[in-house]
């Protein structure tokens, strides 16, 4: 399981430089459900915001919009994992 997580971390790291932001969001949200405490999603989203600027027109001028969405997704998935029956 740790090898998969390292590979996904590497893909997300490369994705910050190579993929559009929405592909990284999709991969990150899927990994939030697959792995326990996948905090790397928030870290790589912050890295993308710091590299490419958060207050662009694409994000309605909101600074750190990608990081905020990642943090909100992390909290929401964490809450959902506790509420889902049979999810471990």
C-alpha atoms as a PDB file:
ATOM      1  CA  UNK A   1       0.000   0.000   0.000  1.00  0.00           C
ATOM      2  CA  UNK A   2       2.856   2.389   0.748  1.00  0.00           C
ATOM      3  CA  UNK A   3       4.342   1.812  -2.709  1.00  0.00           C
ATOM      4  CA  UNK A   4       1.029   2.793  -4.327  1.00  0.00           C
ATOM      5  CA  UNK A   5       0.920   5.940  -2.241  1.00  0.00           C
ATOM      6  CA  UNK A   6       4.457   6.907  -3.240  1.00  0.00           C
ATOM      7  CA  UNK A   7       3.635   6.338  -6.903  1.00  0.00           C
ATOM      8  CA  UNK A   8       0.474   8.466  -6.614  1.00  0.00           C
ATOM      9  CA  UNK A   9       2.493  11.191  -4.861  1.00  0.00           C
ATOM     10  CA  UNK A  10       4.968  11.149  -7.728  1.00  0.00           C
ATOM     11  CA  UNK A  11       2.138  11.352 -10.286  1.00  0.00           C
ATOM     12  CA  UNK A  12       0.550  14.282  -8.440  1.00  0.00           C
ATOM     13  CA  UNK A  13       3.905  16.044  -8.201  1.00  0.00           C
ATOM     14  CA  UNK A  14       4.502  15.665 -11.926  1.00  0.00           C
ATOM     15  CA  UNK A  15       0.864  16.564 -12.522  1.00  0.00           C
ATOM     16  CA  UNK A  16       1.400  19.983 -10.964  1.00  0.00           C
ATOM     17  CA  UNK A  17       3.790  20.732 -13.828  1.00  0.00           C
ATOM     18  CA  UNK A  18       2.254  18.722 -16.672  1.00  0.00           C
ATOM     19  CA  UNK A  19      -1.509  18.334 -16.211  1.00  0.00           C
ATOM     20  CA  UNK A  20      -4.321  20.868 -16.123  1.00  0.00           C
ATOM     21  CA  UNK A  21      -5.548  21.660 -12.620  1.00  0.00           C
ATOM     22  CA  UNK A  22      -8.775  19.690 -12.984  1.00  0.00           C
ATOM     23  CA  UNK A  23      -6.942  16.401 -13.644  1.00  0.00           C
ATOM     24  CA  UNK A  24      -4.985  16.845 -10.417  1.00  0.00           C
ATOM     25  CA  UNK A  25      -8.218  17.625  -8.587  1.00  0.00           C
ATOM     26  CA  UNK A  26      -9.838  14.485  -9.912  1.00  0.00           C
ATOM     27  CA  UNK A  27      -6.856  12.298  -9.000  1.00  0.00           C
ATOM     28  CA  UNK A  28      -6.642  13.913  -5.572  1.00  0.00           C
ATOM     29  CA  UNK A  29     -10.325  13.462  -4.741  1.00  0.00           C
ATOM     30  CA  UNK A  30     -10.216   9.811  -5.799  1.00  0.00           C
ATOM     31  CA  UNK A  31      -7.129   9.287  -3.641  1.00  0.00           C
ATOM     32  CA  UNK A  32      -8.850  10.924  -0.676  1.00  0.00           C
ATOM     33  CA  UNK A  33     -11.283   8.017  -0.710  1.00  0.00           C
ATOM     34  CA  UNK A  34      -8.642   5.362  -1.377  1.00  0.00           C
ATOM     35  CA  UNK A  35      -6.004   6.312   1.205  1.00  0.00           C
ATOM     36  CA  UNK A  36      -6.237   7.241   4.861  1.00  0.00           C
ATOM     37  CA  UNK A  37      -5.185  10.838   5.604  1.00  0.00           C
ATOM     38  CA  UNK A  38      -4.109  11.744   2.088  1.00  0.00           C
ATOM     39  CA  UNK A  39      -2.851  15.183   3.109  1.00  0.00           C
ATOM     40  CA  UNK A  40      -0.499  15.299   0.125  1.00  0.00           C
ATOM     41  CA  UNK A  41      -3.439  16.463  -1.983  1.00  0.00           C
ATOM     42  CA  UNK A  42      -3.610  19.699   0.002  1.00  0.00           C
ATOM     43  CA  UNK A  43       0.167  20.144  -0.165  1.00  0.00           C
ATOM     44  CA  UNK A  44       0.335  19.668  -3.942  1.00  0.00           C
ATOM     45  CA  UNK A  45      -2.645  21.983  -4.435  1.00  0.00           C
ATOM     46  CA  UNK A  46      -0.845  24.635  -2.408  1.00  0.00           C
ATOM     47  CA  UNK A  47       2.253  24.076  -4.530  1.00  0.00           C
ATOM     48  CA  UNK A  48       0.212  24.570  -7.705  1.00  0.00           C
ATOM     49  CA  UNK A  49      -1.296  27.781  -6.305  1.00  0.00           C
ATOM     50  CA  UNK A  50       2.116  29.099  -5.334  1.00  0.00           C
ATOM     51  CA  UNK A  51       3.607  28.279  -8.736  1.00  0.00           C
ATOM     52  CA  UNK A  52       0.825  29.494 -11.002  1.00  0.00           C
ATOM     53  CA  UNK A  53      -0.888  32.111  -8.882  1.00  0.00           C
ATOM     54  CA  UNK A  54      -4.200  31.652  -7.162  1.00  0.00           C
ATOM     55  CA  UNK A  55      -5.958  34.864  -8.126  1.00  0.00           C
ATOM     56  CA  UNK A  56      -6.381  34.268 -11.839  1.00  0.00           C
ATOM     57  CA  UNK A  57      -9.481  34.935 -13.886  1.00  0.00           C
ATOM     58  CA  UNK A  58     -10.006  31.219 -14.256  1.00  0.00           C
ATOM     59  CA  UNK A  59     -10.743  30.948 -10.515  1.00  0.00           C
ATOM     60  CA  UNK A  60     -12.872  34.103 -10.348  1.00  0.00           C
ATOM     61  CA  UNK A  61      -9.982  36.073  -8.872  1.00  0.00           C
ATOM     62  CA  UNK A  62     -10.016  34.152  -5.591  1.00  0.00           C
ATOM     63  CA  UNK A  63      -6.502  33.781  -4.181  1.00  0.00           C
ATOM     64  CA  UNK A  64      -5.537  30.191  -3.300  1.00  0.00           C
ATOM     65  CA  UNK A  65      -8.787  28.832  -4.731  1.00  0.00           C
ATOM     66  CA  UNK A  66      -7.276  25.459  -5.592  1.00  0.00           C
ATOM     67  CA  UNK A  67      -5.819  25.020  -2.106  1.00  0.00           C
ATOM     68  CA  UNK A  68      -9.066  26.096  -0.496  1.00  0.00           C
ATOM     69  CA  UNK A  69     -11.010  23.607  -2.587  1.00  0.00           C
ATOM     70  CA  UNK A  70      -8.530  20.843  -1.711  1.00  0.00           C
ATOM     71  CA  UNK A  71      -8.796  21.621   1.999  1.00  0.00           C
ATOM     72  CA  UNK A  72     -12.584  21.712   1.799  1.00  0.00           C
ATOM     73  CA  UNK A  73     -12.608  18.409  -0.120  1.00  0.00           C
ATOM     74  CA  UNK A  74     -10.295  16.841   2.463  1.00  0.00           C
ATOM     75  CA  UNK A  75     -12.594  17.885   5.311  1.00  0.00           C
ATOM     76  CA  UNK A  76     -15.734  16.761   3.469  1.00  0.00           C
ATOM     77  CA  UNK A  77     -14.314  13.342   2.568  1.00  0.00           C
ATOM     78  CA  UNK A  78     -13.008  12.905   6.125  1.00  0.00           C
ATOM     79  CA  UNK A  79     -16.521  13.618   7.414  1.00  0.00           C
ATOM     80  CA  UNK A  80     -18.119  11.290   4.838  1.00  0.00           C
ATOM     81  CA  UNK A  81     -15.735   8.446   5.655  1.00  0.00           C
ATOM     82  CA  UNK A  82     -16.866   8.528   9.278  1.00  0.00           C
ATOM     83  CA  UNK A  83     -20.539   8.530   8.303  1.00  0.00           C
ATOM     84  CA  UNK A  84     -20.499   5.792   5.663  1.00  0.00           C
ATOM     85  CA  UNK A  85     -21.523   2.394   6.963  1.00  0.00           C
ATOM     86  CA  UNK A  86     -18.922  -0.296   6.404  1.00  0.00           C
ATOM     87  CA  UNK A  87     -16.190   2.058   5.225  1.00  0.00           C
ATOM     88  CA  UNK A  88     -12.766   1.445   6.754  1.00  0.00           C
END
